[in-house]
Amino acid sequence: MSSSRERAEHKAELLRLVQQQRLDLSAEKKLFLEATARYDRGWLKLVSLRRFAVVGSGLMAIWSVRHPRRITRWAKRGLGLWSTWRVVRNYLPNR
């Protein structure tokens, strides 16, 4: 008889432990969602702009076929700016 009572007590203790863990998890979930809300909003904004990116890339592809020298010129400028930024970043003191 004592064995079944010990089991019942052990089971009740485990159920209390599980309930406390659920409460802790719920509280941590709220904190996590508050901490990551900024990133979630940014991601949703990026996803909402996807259709414009698709249309824009199609227009850019058509334009680049018609004006290949302009694309080459802008690619060189972009590469030059990127290289300049890398040099400046490497010479800035580390924080």
Protein backbone atom coordinates (compact mmCIF):
# COMPACT_ATOMS: atom_id res chain seq x y z
CA MET A 1 0.00 0.00 0.00
CA SER A 2 2.79 2.41 0.83
CA SER A 3 4.26 1.73 -2.59
CA SER A 4 1.17 2.99 -4.38
CA ARG A 5 1.00 6.04 -2.09
CA GLU A 6 4.68 6.80 -2.81
CA ARG A 7 4.00 6.49 -6.50
CA ALA A 8 1.02 8.82 -6.26
CA GLU A 9 3.10 11.37 -4.33
CA HIS A 10 5.94 11.05 -6.82
CA LYS A 11 3.51 11.45 -9.70
CA ALA A 12 1.95 14.53 -8.09
CA GLU A 13 5.41 16.05 -7.56
CA LEU A 14 6.32 15.40 -11.19
CA LEU A 15 3.06 16.98 -12.36
CA ARG A 16 3.79 20.09 -10.24
CA LEU A 17 7.28 20.23 -11.74
CA VAL A 18 5.89 19.98 -15.29
CA GLN A 19 3.33 22.70 -14.56
CA GLN A 20 6.06 25.00 -13.20
CA GLN A 21 8.22 24.35 -16.28
CA ARG A 22 5.27 25.22 -18.52
CA LEU A 23 4.78 28.50 -16.67
CA ASP A 24 8.49 29.30 -16.92
CA LEU A 25 8.51 28.47 -20.62
CA SER A 26 5.49 30.70 -21.24
CA ALA A 27 7.17 33.62 -19.46
CA GLU A 28 10.42 33.12 -21.38
CA LYS A 29 8.48 32.92 -24.65
CA LYS A 30 7.02 36.37 -24.02
CA LEU A 31 10.49 37.79 -23.28
CA PHE A 32 11.91 36.14 -26.40
CA LEU A 33 9.14 37.51 -28.61
CA GLU A 34 9.65 41.01 -27.19
CA ALA A 35 13.39 40.81 -27.78
CA THR A 36 13.05 39.61 -31.38
CA ALA A 37 10.07 41.78 -32.39
CA ARG A 38 12.33 44.28 -34.18
CA TYR A 39 13.87 41.56 -36.34
CA ASP A 40 10.47 40.05 -37.06
CA ARG A 41 9.14 43.38 -38.29
CA GLY A 42 12.21 43.83 -40.51
CA TRP A 43 11.83 40.36 -41.97
CA LEU A 44 8.15 40.92 -42.70
CA LYS A 45 8.97 44.23 -44.40
CA LEU A 46 11.63 42.51 -46.53
CA VAL A 47 9.24 39.72 -47.51
CA SER A 48 6.54 42.25 -48.42
CA LEU A 49 8.98 43.95 -50.82
CA ARG A 50 9.76 40.69 -52.62
CA ARG A 51 7.31 41.22 -55.48
CA PHE A 52 8.82 44.64 -56.20
CA ALA A 53 12.27 43.06 -56.26
CA VAL A 54 11.09 40.49 -58.79
CA VAL A 55 9.59 43.14 -61.07
CA GLY A 56 12.63 45.39 -60.62
CA SER A 57 15.09 42.64 -61.43
CA GLY A 58 13.15 41.80 -64.60
CA LEU A 59 13.20 45.43 -65.71
CA MET A 60 16.90 45.64 -64.84
CA ALA A 61 17.61 42.54 -66.95
CA ILE A 62 15.82 44.03 -69.96
CA TRP A 63 17.57 47.36 -69.48
CA SER A 64 20.99 45.69 -69.15
CA VAL A 65 20.51 43.85 -72.44
CA ARG A 66 19.75 47.14 -74.16
CA HIS A 67 22.57 49.12 -72.47
CA PRO A 68 25.42 46.72 -71.55
CA ARG A 69 28.08 49.47 -71.29
CA ARG A 70 26.14 51.30 -68.61
CA ILE A 71 25.88 48.15 -66.53
CA THR A 72 29.61 47.54 -66.89
CA ARG A 73 30.33 51.12 -65.84
CA TRP A 74 28.07 50.88 -62.78
CA ALA A 75 29.55 47.50 -61.86
CA LYS A 76 33.05 49.02 -61.92
CA ARG A 77 31.88 51.94 -59.77
CA GLY A 78 30.27 49.58 -57.30
CA LEU A 79 33.40 47.46 -57.11
CA GLY A 80 35.49 50.59 -56.57
CA LEU A 81 33.22 51.79 -53.76
CA TRP A 82 33.26 48.38 -52.13
CA SER A 83 37.08 48.20 -52.32
CA THR A 84 37.39 51.72 -50.91
CA TRP A 85 35.07 50.81 -48.03
CA ARG A 86 37.15 47.71 -47.23
CA VAL A 87 40.38 49.75 -47.16
CA VAL A 88 38.83 52.42 -44.92
CA ARG A 89 37.30 49.81 -42.62
CA ASN A 90 40.64 48.00 -42.25
CA TYR A 91 42.44 51.22 -41.29
CA LEU A 92 39.85 52.36 -38.76
CA PRO A 93 40.75 51.45 -35.17
CA ASN A 94 38.92 48.41 -33.85
CA ARG A 95 36.37 49.11 -31.12
